[in-house]
Amino acid sequence: MEPRSGCPVNAAVEVLGDRWALLVLRDVIFGDRRYFRALLTGSIEGIASNILADRLVRLVEAGILTRGTAARGQRARYSLTEAGIQTLPVLYALGNWGLDWRPGTEELQIRQRIMRDAGPAFVEELMDDLRVRHLDAPPKHPDGSGPFERLNAAYAAEQERRPNPHCRTGG
């Protein structure tokens, strides 16, 4: 994919600049959804299957995701590349802006609040965890106490505290 200009902002926006690409990355990163069906059914925003298929192709072509080969009868698994892992600070910044300037629900904001309160070092820990999950790096938290476990525990606690039958995932 050659960008339309040499401007780095343009080059990034051409890959990441639409809502669906960023939400697919959010779901891969925070929801650990790595299969087409999981991404399709887990999207609280209701992504259409043709849009999801297109965004996955685009993200693979851009080097953000890889698509595992699927044997007959098996589903292809998507994994983040290092470039994909490096989108986490972008999502973190967008989430912080959303907390400050857009309405939302406590339940869907909890993970972002935890990340913001913990700061950039926590984002680096998340990126290390993503390298373990997607790039087969050695784990830094072999006891299972990694940052995603802490985020997911906080989200689960918030769901129990504020049950919402219309919500299936956090953003």
N, C-alpha and C. Protein backbone atom coordinates (compact mmCIF):
# COMPACT_ATOMS: atom_id res chain seq x y z
N MET A 1 0.84 -1.19 0.00
CA MET A 1 0.00 0.00 0.00
C MET A 1 0.88 1.24 0.00
N GLU A 2 0.87 1.93 -1.09
CA GLU A 2 1.62 3.18 -1.18
C GLU A 2 0.71 4.33 -0.79
N PRO A 3 1.12 5.18 0.16
CA PRO A 3 0.29 6.33 0.53
C PRO A 3 0.22 7.34 -0.61
N ARG A 4 -0.80 8.16 -0.58
CA ARG A 4 -1.00 9.17 -1.62
C ARG A 4 0.02 10.29 -1.55
N SER A 5 0.63 10.47 -0.40
CA SER A 5 1.68 11.48 -0.28
C SER A 5 2.70 10.98 0.73
N GLY A 6 3.79 11.70 0.84
CA GLY A 6 4.85 11.33 1.77
C GLY A 6 4.62 11.83 3.19
N CYS A 7 3.48 12.46 3.42
CA CYS A 7 3.16 12.99 4.75
C CYS A 7 2.89 11.82 5.71
N PRO A 8 3.59 11.76 6.86
CA PRO A 8 3.38 10.65 7.79
C PRO A 8 1.96 10.61 8.37
N VAL A 9 1.33 11.76 8.57
CA VAL A 9 -0.04 11.76 9.08
C VAL A 9 -0.96 11.15 8.03
N ASN A 10 -0.80 11.55 6.77
CA ASN A 10 -1.60 10.97 5.70
C ASN A 10 -1.38 9.47 5.61
N ALA A 11 -0.13 9.03 5.67
CA ALA A 11 0.17 7.60 5.54
C ALA A 11 -0.51 6.80 6.65
N ALA A 12 -0.52 7.33 7.87
CA ALA A 12 -1.18 6.65 8.99
C ALA A 12 -2.69 6.67 8.83
N VAL A 13 -3.23 7.82 8.43
CA VAL A 13 -4.69 7.94 8.29
C VAL A 13 -5.21 7.03 7.18
N GLU A 14 -4.44 6.83 6.13
CA GLU A 14 -4.89 5.94 5.06
C GLU A 14 -5.08 4.51 5.55
N VAL A 15 -4.35 4.10 6.56
CA VAL A 15 -4.50 2.74 7.10
C VAL A 15 -5.44 2.73 8.30
N LEU A 16 -5.31 3.68 9.20
CA LEU A 16 -6.02 3.65 10.48
C LEU A 16 -7.15 4.66 10.58
N GLY A 17 -7.39 5.42 9.53
CA GLY A 17 -8.26 6.59 9.64
C GLY A 17 -9.74 6.35 9.51
N ASP A 18 -10.17 5.11 9.45
CA ASP A 18 -11.62 4.94 9.45
C ASP A 18 -12.04 4.23 10.73
N ARG A 19 -13.25 4.47 11.11
CA ARG A 19 -13.75 3.99 12.40
C ARG A 19 -13.63 2.48 12.52
N TRP A 20 -13.94 1.74 11.46
CA TRP A 20 -13.97 0.29 11.58
C TRP A 20 -12.59 -0.30 11.77
N ALA A 21 -11.58 0.24 11.10
CA ALA A 21 -10.22 -0.29 11.27
C ALA A 21 -9.78 -0.15 12.73
N LEU A 22 -10.04 0.99 13.32
CA LEU A 22 -9.66 1.20 14.72
C LEU A 22 -10.46 0.32 15.67
N LEU A 23 -11.73 0.10 15.38
CA LEU A 23 -12.54 -0.75 16.25
C LEU A 23 -12.15 -2.22 16.11
N VAL A 24 -11.77 -2.64 14.92
CA VAL A 24 -11.27 -4.01 14.75
C VAL A 24 -9.99 -4.17 15.57
N LEU A 25 -9.09 -3.19 15.49
CA LEU A 25 -7.86 -3.26 16.29
C LEU A 25 -8.18 -3.26 17.78
N ARG A 26 -9.12 -2.44 18.19
CA ARG A 26 -9.53 -2.43 19.61
C ARG A 26 -9.97 -3.82 20.05
N ASP A 27 -10.78 -4.47 19.22
CA ASP A 27 -11.30 -5.79 19.59
C ASP A 27 -10.22 -6.87 19.55
N VAL A 28 -9.27 -6.75 18.65
CA VAL A 28 -8.16 -7.71 18.62
C VAL A 28 -7.29 -7.50 19.86
N ILE A 29 -7.00 -6.24 20.18
CA ILE A 29 -6.11 -5.92 21.29
C ILE A 29 -6.77 -6.18 22.64
N PHE A 30 -7.91 -5.59 22.88
CA PHE A 30 -8.51 -5.64 24.21
C PHE A 30 -9.47 -6.81 24.40
N GLY A 31 -10.08 -7.27 23.32
CA GLY A 31 -11.00 -8.39 23.43
C GLY A 31 -10.37 -9.72 23.09
N ASP A 32 -9.12 -9.70 22.64
CA ASP A 32 -8.39 -10.89 22.19
C ASP A 32 -9.23 -11.70 21.20
N ARG A 33 -9.96 -10.97 20.35
CA ARG A 33 -10.74 -11.62 19.29
C ARG A 33 -9.84 -11.75 18.08
N ARG A 34 -9.55 -12.97 17.70
CA ARG A 34 -8.57 -13.18 16.64
C ARG A 34 -9.12 -13.96 15.47
N TYR A 35 -10.40 -14.27 15.51
CA TYR A 35 -11.06 -15.00 14.43
C TYR A 35 -12.20 -14.15 13.89
N PHE A 36 -12.47 -14.32 12.60
CA PHE A 36 -13.50 -13.52 11.93
C PHE A 36 -14.82 -13.55 12.70
N ARG A 37 -15.31 -14.74 13.02
CA ARG A 37 -16.61 -14.87 13.69
C ARG A 37 -16.61 -14.15 15.04
N ALA A 38 -15.54 -14.27 15.79
CA ALA A 38 -15.46 -13.60 17.09
C ALA A 38 -15.48 -12.08 16.92
N LEU A 39 -14.79 -11.60 15.91
CA LEU A 39 -14.79 -10.16 15.64
C LEU A 39 -16.18 -9.68 15.21
N LEU A 40 -16.84 -10.48 14.39
CA LEU A 40 -18.15 -10.12 13.87
C LEU A 40 -19.20 -10.11 14.98
N THR A 41 -19.27 -11.17 15.75
CA THR A 41 -20.32 -11.28 16.77
C THR A 41 -19.99 -10.49 18.04
N GLY A 42 -18.72 -10.18 18.26
CA GLY A 42 -18.34 -9.46 19.47
C GLY A 42 -18.37 -7.95 19.33
N SER A 43 -18.64 -7.45 18.14
CA SER A 43 -18.64 -6.00 17.92
C SER A 43 -19.92 -5.39 18.47
N ILE A 44 -19.81 -4.58 19.50
CA ILE A 44 -21.00 -3.94 20.06
C ILE A 44 -21.52 -2.86 19.13
N GLU A 45 -20.67 -2.42 18.19
CA GLU A 45 -21.10 -1.41 17.23
C GLU A 45 -21.81 -2.01 16.03
N GLY A 46 -21.79 -3.35 15.90
CA GLY A 46 -22.53 -4.03 14.85
C GLY A 46 -21.90 -3.93 13.47
N ILE A 47 -20.64 -4.27 13.35
CA ILE A 47 -19.97 -4.23 12.06
C ILE A 47 -20.58 -5.27 11.12
N ALA A 48 -20.77 -4.88 9.87
CA ALA A 48 -21.29 -5.80 8.86
C ALA A 48 -20.17 -6.74 8.40
N SER A 49 -20.52 -7.94 8.01
CA SER A 49 -19.51 -8.94 7.64
C SER A 49 -18.66 -8.48 6.46
N ASN A 50 -19.26 -7.81 5.46
CA ASN A 50 -18.46 -7.36 4.32
C ASN A 50 -17.49 -6.25 4.71
N ILE A 51 -17.88 -5.40 5.63
CA ILE A 51 -16.99 -4.34 6.11
C ILE A 51 -15.85 -4.95 6.91
N LEU A 52 -16.17 -5.90 7.78
CA LEU A 52 -15.14 -6.57 8.57
C LEU A 52 -14.14 -7.27 7.66
N ALA A 53 -14.63 -8.00 6.67
CA ALA A 53 -13.74 -8.70 5.74
C ALA A 53 -12.82 -7.72 5.04
N ASP A 54 -13.36 -6.59 4.60
CA ASP A 54 -12.55 -5.58 3.92
C ASP A 54 -11.49 -4.99 4.85
N ARG A 55 -11.87 -4.67 6.08
CA ARG A 55 -10.90 -4.07 7.01
C ARG A 55 -9.81 -5.06 7.38
N LEU A 56 -10.15 -6.32 7.54
CA LEU A 56 -9.13 -7.32 7.85
C LEU A 56 -8.14 -7.43 6.69
N VAL A 57 -8.63 -7.45 5.47
CA VAL A 57 -7.73 -7.49 4.31
C VAL A 57 -6.83 -6.26 4.30
N ARG A 58 -7.40 -5.09 4.52
CA ARG A 58 -6.61 -3.85 4.53
C ARG A 58 -5.54 -3.86 5.62
N LEU A 59 -5.92 -4.32 6.81
CA LEU A 59 -4.96 -4.34 7.91
C LEU A 59 -3.85 -5.36 7.67
N VAL A 60 -4.17 -6.46 7.02
CA VAL A 60 -3.14 -7.44 6.66
C VAL A 60 -2.23 -6.85 5.59
N GLU A 61 -2.81 -6.24 4.57
CA GLU A 61 -2.01 -5.64 3.49
C GLU A 61 -1.10 -4.53 4.01
N ALA A 62 -1.56 -3.82 5.02
CA ALA A 62 -0.77 -2.72 5.59
C ALA A 62 0.29 -3.21 6.56
N GLY A 63 0.31 -4.50 6.87
CA GLY A 63 1.30 -5.03 7.80
C GLY A 63 0.96 -4.81 9.26
N ILE A 64 -0.30 -4.55 9.56
CA ILE A 64 -0.75 -4.34 10.94
C ILE A 64 -1.14 -5.68 11.58
N LEU A 65 -1.73 -6.55 10.77
CA LEU A 65 -2.13 -7.89 11.19
C LEU A 65 -1.52 -8.92 10.25
N THR A 66 -1.40 -10.13 10.73
CA THR A 66 -1.10 -11.26 9.85
C THR A 66 -2.29 -12.20 9.92
N ARG A 67 -2.49 -12.93 8.84
CA ARG A 67 -3.58 -13.91 8.79
C ARG A 67 -2.94 -15.28 8.71
N GLY A 68 -3.20 -16.08 9.74
CA GLY A 68 -2.67 -17.43 9.75
C GLY A 68 -3.30 -18.27 8.67
N THR A 69 -2.59 -19.24 8.20
CA THR A 69 -3.16 -20.14 7.20
C THR A 69 -4.12 -21.09 7.87
N ALA A 70 -5.22 -21.32 7.21
CA ALA A 70 -6.26 -22.19 7.78
C ALA A 70 -6.33 -23.46 6.95
N ALA A 71 -6.21 -24.58 7.61
CA ALA A 71 -6.41 -25.86 6.94
C ALA A 71 -7.90 -26.05 6.69
N ARG A 72 -8.21 -26.97 5.83
CA ARG A 72 -9.62 -27.22 5.51
C ARG A 72 -10.42 -27.45 6.80
N GLY A 73 -11.52 -26.74 6.89
CA GLY A 73 -12.38 -26.88 8.06
C GLY A 73 -11.93 -26.07 9.28
N GLN A 74 -10.82 -25.38 9.17
CA GLN A 74 -10.35 -24.56 10.29
C GLN A 74 -10.49 -23.09 9.94
N ARG A 75 -10.51 -22.29 10.95
CA ARG A 75 -10.63 -20.85 10.75
C ARG A 75 -9.25 -20.21 10.83
N ALA A 76 -9.06 -19.16 10.04
CA ALA A 76 -7.80 -18.42 10.06
C ALA A 76 -7.77 -17.54 11.30
N ARG A 77 -6.63 -17.49 11.95
CA ARG A 77 -6.45 -16.66 13.13
C ARG A 77 -5.63 -15.44 12.75
N TYR A 78 -6.07 -14.28 13.20
CA TYR A 78 -5.35 -13.03 12.95
C TYR A 78 -4.47 -12.72 14.15
N SER A 79 -3.29 -12.21 13.85
CA SER A 79 -2.35 -11.81 14.90
C SER A 79 -1.82 -10.42 14.59
N LEU A 80 -1.51 -9.70 15.64
CA LEU A 80 -0.89 -8.39 15.48
C LEU A 80 0.57 -8.57 15.08
N THR A 81 1.05 -7.69 14.25
CA THR A 81 2.48 -7.58 13.98
C THR A 81 3.04 -6.57 14.98
N GLU A 82 4.33 -6.33 14.94
CA GLU A 82 4.89 -5.28 15.80
C GLU A 82 4.27 -3.94 15.44
N ALA A 83 4.05 -3.69 14.16
CA ALA A 83 3.38 -2.43 13.75
C ALA A 83 1.98 -2.36 14.35
N GLY A 84 1.28 -3.48 14.41
CA GLY A 84 -0.04 -3.51 15.02
C GLY A 84 0.02 -3.25 16.51
N ILE A 85 1.00 -3.84 17.17
CA ILE A 85 1.18 -3.61 18.61
C ILE A 85 1.47 -2.13 18.87
N GLN A 86 2.20 -1.51 17.97
CA GLN A 86 2.54 -0.10 18.13
C GLN A 86 1.35 0.84 17.92
N THR A 87 0.19 0.29 17.53
CA THR A 87 -1.02 1.13 17.46
C THR A 87 -1.65 1.33 18.83
N LEU A 88 -1.24 0.54 19.82
CA LEU A 88 -1.83 0.67 21.15
C LEU A 88 -1.70 2.09 21.71
N PRO A 89 -0.54 2.76 21.63
CA PRO A 89 -0.50 4.14 22.13
C PRO A 89 -1.46 5.08 21.39
N VAL A 90 -1.73 4.80 20.11
CA VAL A 90 -2.69 5.60 19.35
C VAL A 90 -4.09 5.39 19.92
N LEU A 91 -4.45 4.12 20.13
CA LEU A 91 -5.76 3.82 20.72
C LEU A 91 -5.88 4.39 22.13
N TYR A 92 -4.80 4.32 22.88
CA TYR A 92 -4.75 4.89 24.23
C TYR A 92 -5.02 6.40 24.18
N ALA A 93 -4.37 7.10 23.27
CA ALA A 93 -4.58 8.55 23.14
C ALA A 93 -6.00 8.87 22.70
N LEU A 94 -6.52 8.11 21.75
CA LEU A 94 -7.90 8.33 21.32
C LEU A 94 -8.88 8.07 22.47
N GLY A 95 -8.64 7.02 23.22
CA GLY A 95 -9.50 6.72 24.36
C GLY A 95 -9.48 7.81 25.40
N ASN A 96 -8.29 8.36 25.67
CA ASN A 96 -8.20 9.45 26.65
C ASN A 96 -8.97 10.67 26.16
N TRP A 97 -8.84 10.97 24.88
CA TRP A 97 -9.60 12.10 24.31
C TRP A 97 -11.09 11.82 24.46
N GLY A 98 -11.51 10.58 24.16
CA GLY A 98 -12.92 10.22 24.29
C GLY A 98 -13.43 10.34 25.71
N LEU A 99 -12.60 9.97 26.69
CA LEU A 99 -13.00 10.14 28.09
C LEU A 99 -13.27 11.60 28.42
N ASP A 100 -12.43 12.48 27.90
CA ASP A 100 -12.53 13.90 28.23
C ASP A 100 -13.61 14.64 27.46
N TRP A 101 -13.88 14.20 26.23
CA TRP A 101 -14.68 15.04 25.35
C TRP A 101 -15.95 14.39 24.78
N ARG A 102 -16.17 13.12 25.05
CA ARG A 102 -17.35 12.45 24.51
C ARG A 102 -18.11 11.75 25.63
N PRO A 103 -19.44 11.67 25.48
CA PRO A 103 -20.21 10.96 26.50
C PRO A 103 -19.96 9.46 26.42
N GLY A 104 -20.19 8.78 27.51
CA GLY A 104 -20.01 7.34 27.55
C GLY A 104 -20.59 6.77 28.82
N THR A 105 -20.46 5.47 28.97
CA THR A 105 -20.95 4.81 30.18
C THR A 105 -19.75 4.38 31.01
N GLU A 106 -19.95 4.34 32.30
CA GLU A 106 -18.88 3.94 33.21
C GLU A 106 -18.38 2.54 32.86
N GLU A 107 -19.30 1.66 32.54
CA GLU A 107 -18.94 0.29 32.23
C GLU A 107 -17.98 0.21 31.04
N LEU A 108 -18.23 0.99 30.01
CA LEU A 108 -17.37 0.95 28.83
C LEU A 108 -16.15 1.84 28.95
N GLN A 109 -16.11 2.68 29.96
CA GLN A 109 -14.97 3.56 30.17
C GLN A 109 -13.95 3.01 31.16
N ILE A 110 -14.30 1.97 31.90
CA ILE A 110 -13.47 1.52 33.02
C ILE A 110 -12.05 1.14 32.59
N ARG A 111 -11.90 0.40 31.51
CA ARG A 111 -10.56 0.00 31.09
C ARG A 111 -9.72 1.22 30.72
N GLN A 112 -10.32 2.17 30.03
CA GLN A 112 -9.58 3.36 29.64
C GLN A 112 -9.16 4.15 30.88
N ARG A 113 -10.05 4.25 31.85
CA ARG A 113 -9.72 4.97 33.09
C ARG A 113 -8.55 4.29 33.82
N ILE A 114 -8.59 2.97 33.87
CA ILE A 114 -7.50 2.24 34.52
C ILE A 114 -6.19 2.50 33.80
N MET A 115 -6.22 2.44 32.48
CA MET A 115 -4.99 2.69 31.71
C MET A 115 -4.49 4.11 31.93
N ARG A 116 -5.40 5.07 31.90
CA ARG A 116 -4.98 6.46 32.09
C ARG A 116 -4.41 6.67 33.49
N ASP A 117 -5.07 6.11 34.49
CA ASP A 117 -4.58 6.25 35.86
C ASP A 117 -3.21 5.60 36.03
N ALA A 118 -2.99 4.48 35.36
CA ALA A 118 -1.72 3.77 35.48
C ALA A 118 -0.61 4.42 34.66
N GLY A 119 -0.97 5.10 33.59
CA GLY A 119 0.01 5.86 32.82
C GLY A 119 0.73 5.08 31.74
N PRO A 120 1.67 5.76 31.07
CA PRO A 120 2.37 5.17 29.93
C PRO A 120 3.13 3.88 30.23
N ALA A 121 3.62 3.72 31.46
CA ALA A 121 4.34 2.48 31.79
C ALA A 121 3.39 1.28 31.69
N PHE A 122 2.13 1.47 32.05
CA PHE A 122 1.15 0.40 31.94
C PHE A 122 0.89 0.06 30.47
N VAL A 123 0.84 1.07 29.62
CA VAL A 123 0.66 0.84 28.18
C VAL A 123 1.83 0.02 27.64
N GLU A 124 3.03 0.31 28.11
CA GLU A 124 4.20 -0.49 27.70
C GLU A 124 4.07 -1.93 28.16
N GLU A 125 3.54 -2.13 29.38
CA GLU A 125 3.30 -3.50 29.86
C GLU A 125 2.29 -4.22 28.98
N LEU A 126 1.23 -3.50 28.59
CA LEU A 126 0.23 -4.09 27.69
C LEU A 126 0.88 -4.49 26.37
N MET A 127 1.74 -3.64 25.85
CA MET A 127 2.41 -3.95 24.59
C MET A 127 3.30 -5.19 24.75
N ASP A 128 3.98 -5.30 25.87
CA ASP A 128 4.78 -6.51 26.13
C ASP A 128 3.89 -7.75 26.15
N ASP A 129 2.73 -7.64 26.79
CA ASP A 129 1.79 -8.76 26.84
C ASP A 129 1.29 -9.12 25.44
N LEU A 130 1.04 -8.12 24.62
CA LEU A 130 0.61 -8.38 23.24
C LEU A 130 1.70 -9.12 22.46
N ARG A 131 2.95 -8.79 22.73
CA ARG A 131 4.04 -9.50 22.05
C ARG A 131 4.06 -10.97 22.44
N VAL A 132 3.70 -11.27 23.69
CA VAL A 132 3.61 -12.67 24.13
C VAL A 132 2.47 -13.37 23.39
N ARG A 133 1.32 -12.73 23.34
CA ARG A 133 0.13 -13.33 22.73
C ARG A 133 0.22 -13.46 21.22
N HIS A 134 0.83 -12.49 20.57
CA HIS A 134 0.77 -12.44 19.11
C HIS A 134 2.09 -12.76 18.42
N LEU A 135 3.20 -12.53 19.09
CA LEU A 135 4.51 -12.73 18.47
C LEU A 135 5.31 -13.83 19.14
N ASP A 136 4.70 -14.54 20.08
CA ASP A 136 5.35 -15.64 20.81
C ASP A 136 6.59 -15.22 21.58
N ALA A 137 6.58 -14.00 22.10
CA ALA A 137 7.68 -13.55 22.96
C ALA A 137 7.56 -14.26 24.31
N PRO A 138 8.65 -14.40 25.04
CA PRO A 138 8.56 -15.04 26.36
C PRO A 138 7.76 -14.16 27.32
N PRO A 139 6.93 -14.78 28.17
CA PRO A 139 6.09 -14.00 29.08
C PRO A 139 6.90 -13.31 30.17
N LYS A 140 6.48 -12.09 30.49
CA LYS A 140 7.09 -11.35 31.60
C LYS A 140 6.32 -11.57 32.88
N HIS A 141 5.11 -12.13 32.77
CA HIS A 141 4.26 -12.41 33.94
C HIS A 141 3.78 -13.85 33.86
N PRO A 142 4.68 -14.83 34.07
CA PRO A 142 4.26 -16.23 33.93
C PRO A 142 3.21 -16.66 34.95
N ASP A 143 3.01 -15.88 36.00
CA ASP A 143 2.02 -16.25 37.01
C ASP A 143 0.60 -15.81 36.62
N GLY A 144 0.45 -15.20 35.42
CA GLY A 144 -0.88 -14.78 34.97
C GLY A 144 -1.34 -13.47 35.53
N SER A 145 -0.43 -12.68 36.10
CA SER A 145 -0.81 -11.41 36.71
C SER A 145 -0.53 -10.23 35.78
N GLY A 146 -0.58 -10.46 34.49
CA GLY A 146 -0.27 -9.43 33.52
C GLY A 146 -1.30 -8.32 33.49
N PRO A 147 -1.01 -7.28 32.73
CA PRO A 147 -1.89 -6.11 32.69
C PRO A 147 -3.27 -6.40 32.11
N PHE A 148 -3.38 -7.29 31.13
CA PHE A 148 -4.70 -7.60 30.57
C PHE A 148 -5.58 -8.28 31.60
N GLU A 149 -4.99 -9.14 32.41
CA GLU A 149 -5.77 -9.79 33.46
C GLU A 149 -6.30 -8.75 34.45
N ARG A 150 -5.50 -7.73 34.76
CA ARG A 150 -5.96 -6.67 35.66
C ARG A 150 -7.08 -5.85 35.02
N LEU A 151 -6.93 -5.52 33.73
CA LEU A 151 -7.98 -4.77 33.04
C LEU A 151 -9.28 -5.58 32.97
N ASN A 152 -9.15 -6.84 32.61
CA ASN A 152 -10.34 -7.67 32.47
C ASN A 152 -11.03 -7.91 33.81
N ALA A 153 -10.26 -8.04 34.87
CA ALA A 153 -10.85 -8.20 36.20
C ALA A 153 -11.62 -6.94 36.60
N ALA A 154 -11.05 -5.80 36.32
CA ALA A 154 -11.73 -4.54 36.65
C ALA A 154 -13.01 -4.38 35.82
N TYR A 155 -12.95 -4.75 34.56
CA TYR A 155 -14.12 -4.68 33.69
C TYR A 155 -15.20 -5.64 34.19
N ALA A 156 -14.82 -6.87 34.53
CA ALA A 156 -15.78 -7.85 35.03
C ALA A 156 -16.43 -7.35 36.32
N ALA A 157 -15.64 -6.77 37.21
CA ALA A 157 -16.18 -6.24 38.46
C ALA A 157 -17.18 -5.12 38.18
N GLU A 158 -16.88 -4.28 37.20
CA GLU A 158 -17.79 -3.19 36.84
C GLU A 158 -19.07 -3.74 36.23
N GLN A 159 -18.96 -4.80 35.44
CA GLN A 159 -20.16 -5.43 34.86
C GLN A 159 -21.06 -6.00 35.96
N GLU A 160 -20.45 -6.61 36.95
CA GLU A 160 -21.23 -7.17 38.05
C GLU A 160 -21.89 -6.06 38.86
N ARG A 161 -21.17 -4.96 39.00
CA ARG A 161 -21.69 -3.83 39.77
C ARG A 161 -22.83 -3.13 39.03
N ARG A 162 -22.72 -3.04 37.71
CA ARG A 162 -23.70 -2.34 36.88
C ARG A 162 -24.15 -3.25 35.74
N PRO A 163 -24.99 -4.21 35.99
CA PRO A 163 -25.38 -5.11 34.90
C PRO A 163 -26.08 -4.35 33.78
N ASN A 164 -25.65 -4.64 32.56
CA ASN A 164 -26.22 -4.01 31.37
C ASN A 164 -26.36 -5.11 30.31
N PRO A 165 -27.57 -5.58 30.06
CA PRO A 165 -27.75 -6.70 29.14
C PRO A 165 -27.41 -6.35 27.70
N HIS A 166 -27.29 -5.08 27.37
CA HIS A 166 -27.00 -4.68 26.00
C HIS A 166 -25.52 -4.59 25.71
N CYS A 167 -24.69 -4.78 26.70
CA CYS A 167 -23.24 -4.63 26.52
C CYS A 167 -22.56 -5.98 26.58
N ARG A 168 -21.75 -6.28 25.55
CA ARG A 168 -21.05 -7.56 25.52
C ARG A 168 -19.55 -7.41 25.64
N THR A 169 -19.02 -6.22 25.48
CA THR A 169 -17.57 -6.05 25.52
C THR A 169 -17.24 -4.63 25.94
N GLY A 170 -16.01 -4.41 26.32
CA GLY A 170 -15.57 -3.07 26.69
C GLY A 170 -14.74 -2.46 25.62
N GLY A 171 -14.65 -1.18 25.63
CA GLY A 171 -13.87 -0.48 24.62
C GLY A 171 -12.84 0.40 25.22
